[in-house]
Amino acid sequence: MQWDLENSVQSHIRNEQYWNDKGHTPIPTTLFESHSNIWLEIGAGTGGYFLELAKTNPKSHFVAIERCRIRARRMVHKFEKSELPNLQGF
């Protein structure tokens, strides 16, 4: 058990350093504290599905994550253009 704990901490530190070196900012934790109903999509593509859900469910908050930089940029641009306050992309 001690080995797992030590390696988990080291892995977390390496992961955090990797993303800091890349210049990526983490998702703010306050986002998850301020909303009661949060939907999370991992692998959101260009965000079309969550965009439509956010339009029809204004009381819920939608967080979309895409790892492909090109699709993520398109998604974030689309979300910003929609000006929906309950929709965020990363």
C-alpha atoms as a PDB file:
ATOM      1  CA  MET A   1       0.000   0.000   0.000  1.00  0.00           C
ATOM      2  CA  GLN A   2       2.807   2.427   0.850  1.00  0.00           C
ATOM      3  CA  TRP A   3       4.381   1.792  -2.564  1.00  0.00           C
ATOM      4  CA  ASP A   4       1.091   2.667  -4.300  1.00  0.00           C
ATOM      5  CA  LEU A   5       0.754   5.879  -2.326  1.00  0.00           C
ATOM      6  CA  GLU A   6       4.322   6.978  -3.014  1.00  0.00           C
ATOM      7  CA  ASN A   7       4.088   6.229  -6.731  1.00  0.00           C
ATOM      8  CA  SER A   8       0.704   7.908  -7.000  1.00  0.00           C
ATOM      9  CA  VAL A   9       2.087  11.123  -5.519  1.00  0.00           C
ATOM     10  CA  GLN A  10       5.156  11.018  -7.767  1.00  0.00           C
ATOM     11  CA  SER A  11       2.986  10.377 -10.802  1.00  0.00           C
ATOM     12  CA  HIS A  12       0.758  13.323  -9.912  1.00  0.00           C
ATOM     13  CA  ILE A  13       3.787  15.608  -9.555  1.00  0.00           C
ATOM     14  CA  ARG A  14       5.187  14.483 -12.942  1.00  0.00           C
ATOM     15  CA  ASN A  15       1.794  14.958 -14.590  1.00  0.00           C
ATOM     16  CA  GLU A  16       1.394  18.446 -13.129  1.00  0.00           C
ATOM     17  CA  GLN A  17       4.916  19.419 -14.233  1.00  0.00           C
ATOM     18  CA  TYR A  18       4.250  18.117 -17.754  1.00  0.00           C
ATOM     19  CA  TRP A  19       1.155  20.302 -18.199  1.00  0.00           C
ATOM     20  CA  ASN A  20       2.820  23.332 -16.597  1.00  0.00           C
ATOM     21  CA  ASP A  21       5.692  22.993 -19.076  1.00  0.00           C
ATOM     22  CA  LYS A  22       3.179  22.872 -21.942  1.00  0.00           C
ATOM     23  CA  GLY A  23       1.563  26.108 -20.774  1.00  0.00           C
ATOM     24  CA  HIS A  24      -1.853  24.562 -20.119  1.00  0.00           C
ATOM     25  CA  THR A  25      -3.931  25.886 -17.281  1.00  0.00           C
ATOM     26  CA  PRO A  26      -5.965  23.415 -15.263  1.00  0.00           C
ATOM     27  CA  ILE A  27      -9.730  23.551 -15.093  1.00  0.00           C
ATOM     28  CA  PRO A  28     -10.603  25.852 -12.190  1.00  0.00           C
ATOM     29  CA  THR A  29     -11.966  23.834  -9.269  1.00  0.00           C
ATOM     30  CA  THR A  30     -14.390  26.650  -8.442  1.00  0.00           C
ATOM     31  CA  LEU A  31     -16.301  25.648 -11.558  1.00  0.00           C
ATOM     32  CA  PHE A  32     -17.364  22.437  -9.842  1.00  0.00           C
ATOM     33  CA  GLU A  33     -18.194  24.106  -6.528  1.00  0.00           C
ATOM     34  CA  SER A  34     -20.627  26.689  -7.841  1.00  0.00           C
ATOM     35  CA  HIS A  35     -23.066  24.509  -9.787  1.00  0.00           C
ATOM     36  CA  SER A  36     -25.352  21.788  -8.536  1.00  0.00           C
ATOM     37  CA  ASN A  37     -25.932  19.947 -11.824  1.00  0.00           C
ATOM     38  CA  ILE A  38     -22.760  19.540 -13.883  1.00  0.00           C
ATOM     39  CA  TRP A  39     -22.410  17.505 -17.070  1.00  0.00           C
ATOM     40  CA  LEU A  40     -18.902  16.501 -18.152  1.00  0.00           C
ATOM     41  CA  GLU A  41     -17.975  15.276 -21.616  1.00  0.00           C
ATOM     42  CA  ILE A  42     -14.489  13.920 -22.220  1.00  0.00           C
ATOM     43  CA  GLY A  43     -13.594  13.637 -25.888  1.00  0.00           C
ATOM     44  CA  ALA A  44     -16.054  16.339 -26.913  1.00  0.00           C
ATOM     45  CA  GLY A  45     -14.824  16.764 -30.473  1.00  0.00           C
ATOM     46  CA  THR A  46     -15.949  20.174 -31.726  1.00  0.00           C
ATOM     47  CA  GLY A  47     -18.625  20.445 -29.037  1.00  0.00           C
ATOM     48  CA  GLY A  48     -21.805  20.245 -31.101  1.00  0.00           C
ATOM     49  CA  TYR A  49     -23.583  17.825 -28.776  1.00  0.00           C
ATOM     50  CA  PHE A  50     -22.958  19.832 -25.604  1.00  0.00           C
ATOM     51  CA  LEU A  51     -23.772  23.095 -27.361  1.00  0.00           C
ATOM     52  CA  GLU A  52     -27.276  21.817 -28.109  1.00  0.00           C
ATOM     53  CA  LEU A  53     -27.679  20.389 -24.597  1.00  0.00           C
ATOM     54  CA  ALA A  54     -26.614  23.697 -23.035  1.00  0.00           C
ATOM     55  CA  LYS A  55     -29.176  25.587 -25.125  1.00  0.00           C
ATOM     56  CA  THR A  56     -32.029  23.360 -23.993  1.00  0.00           C
ATOM     57  CA  ASN A  57     -30.913  22.974 -20.340  1.00  0.00           C
ATOM     58  CA  PRO A  58     -30.025  26.449 -19.033  1.00  0.00           C
ATOM     59  CA  LYS A  59     -30.119  25.370 -15.366  1.00  0.00           C
ATOM     60  CA  SER A  60     -27.363  22.776 -15.863  1.00  0.00           C
ATOM     61  CA  HIS A  61     -23.685  23.521 -16.417  1.00  0.00           C
ATOM     62  CA  PHE A  62     -21.756  21.787 -19.200  1.00  0.00           C
ATOM     63  CA  VAL A  63     -17.997  21.226 -19.259  1.00  0.00           C
ATOM     64  CA  ALA A  64     -16.509  19.741 -22.431  1.00  0.00           C
ATOM     65  CA  ILE A  65     -12.928  18.492 -22.687  1.00  0.00           C
ATOM     66  CA  GLU A  66     -11.113  17.650 -25.922  1.00  0.00           C
ATOM     67  CA  ARG A  67      -7.473  16.514 -26.110  1.00  0.00           C
ATOM     68  CA  CYS A  68      -6.943  17.222 -29.818  1.00  0.00           C
ATOM     69  CA  ARG A  69      -5.762  20.816 -29.995  1.00  0.00           C
ATOM     70  CA  ILE A  70      -7.377  21.573 -33.377  1.00  0.00           C
ATOM     71  CA  ARG A  71     -10.811  20.272 -32.370  1.00  0.00           C
ATOM     72  CA  ALA A  72     -10.498  21.917 -28.942  1.00  0.00           C
ATOM     73  CA  ARG A  73      -9.834  25.322 -30.518  1.00  0.00           C
ATOM     74  CA  ARG A  74     -12.875  24.935 -32.758  1.00  0.00           C
ATOM     75  CA  MET A  75     -14.963  23.865 -29.790  1.00  0.00           C
ATOM     76  CA  VAL A  76     -13.874  26.773 -27.577  1.00  0.00           C
ATOM     77  CA  HIS A  77     -14.463  29.241 -30.419  1.00  0.00           C
ATOM     78  CA  LYS A  78     -17.931  27.797 -31.005  1.00  0.00           C
ATOM     79  CA  PHE A  79     -18.751  28.009 -27.291  1.00  0.00           C
ATOM     80  CA  GLU A  80     -17.512  31.600 -27.017  1.00  0.00           C
ATOM     81  CA  LYS A  81     -19.550  32.580 -30.063  1.00  0.00           C
ATOM     82  CA  SER A  82     -22.690  31.050 -28.517  1.00  0.00           C
ATOM     83  CA  GLU A  83     -22.279  33.244 -25.390  1.00  0.00           C
ATOM     84  CA  LEU A  84     -24.003  30.611 -23.263  1.00  0.00           C
ATOM     85  CA  PRO A  85     -23.085  31.156 -19.598  1.00  0.00           C
ATOM     86  CA  ASN A  86     -23.600  27.474 -18.737  1.00  0.00           C
ATOM     87  CA  LEU A  87     -21.088  26.076 -21.242  1.00  0.00           C
ATOM     88  CA  GLN A  88     -17.296  25.816 -21.041  1.00  0.00           C
ATOM     89  CA  GLY A  89     -14.752  24.006 -23.138  1.00  0.00           C
ATOM     90  CA  PHE A  90     -11.176  22.960 -22.461  1.00  0.00           C
END
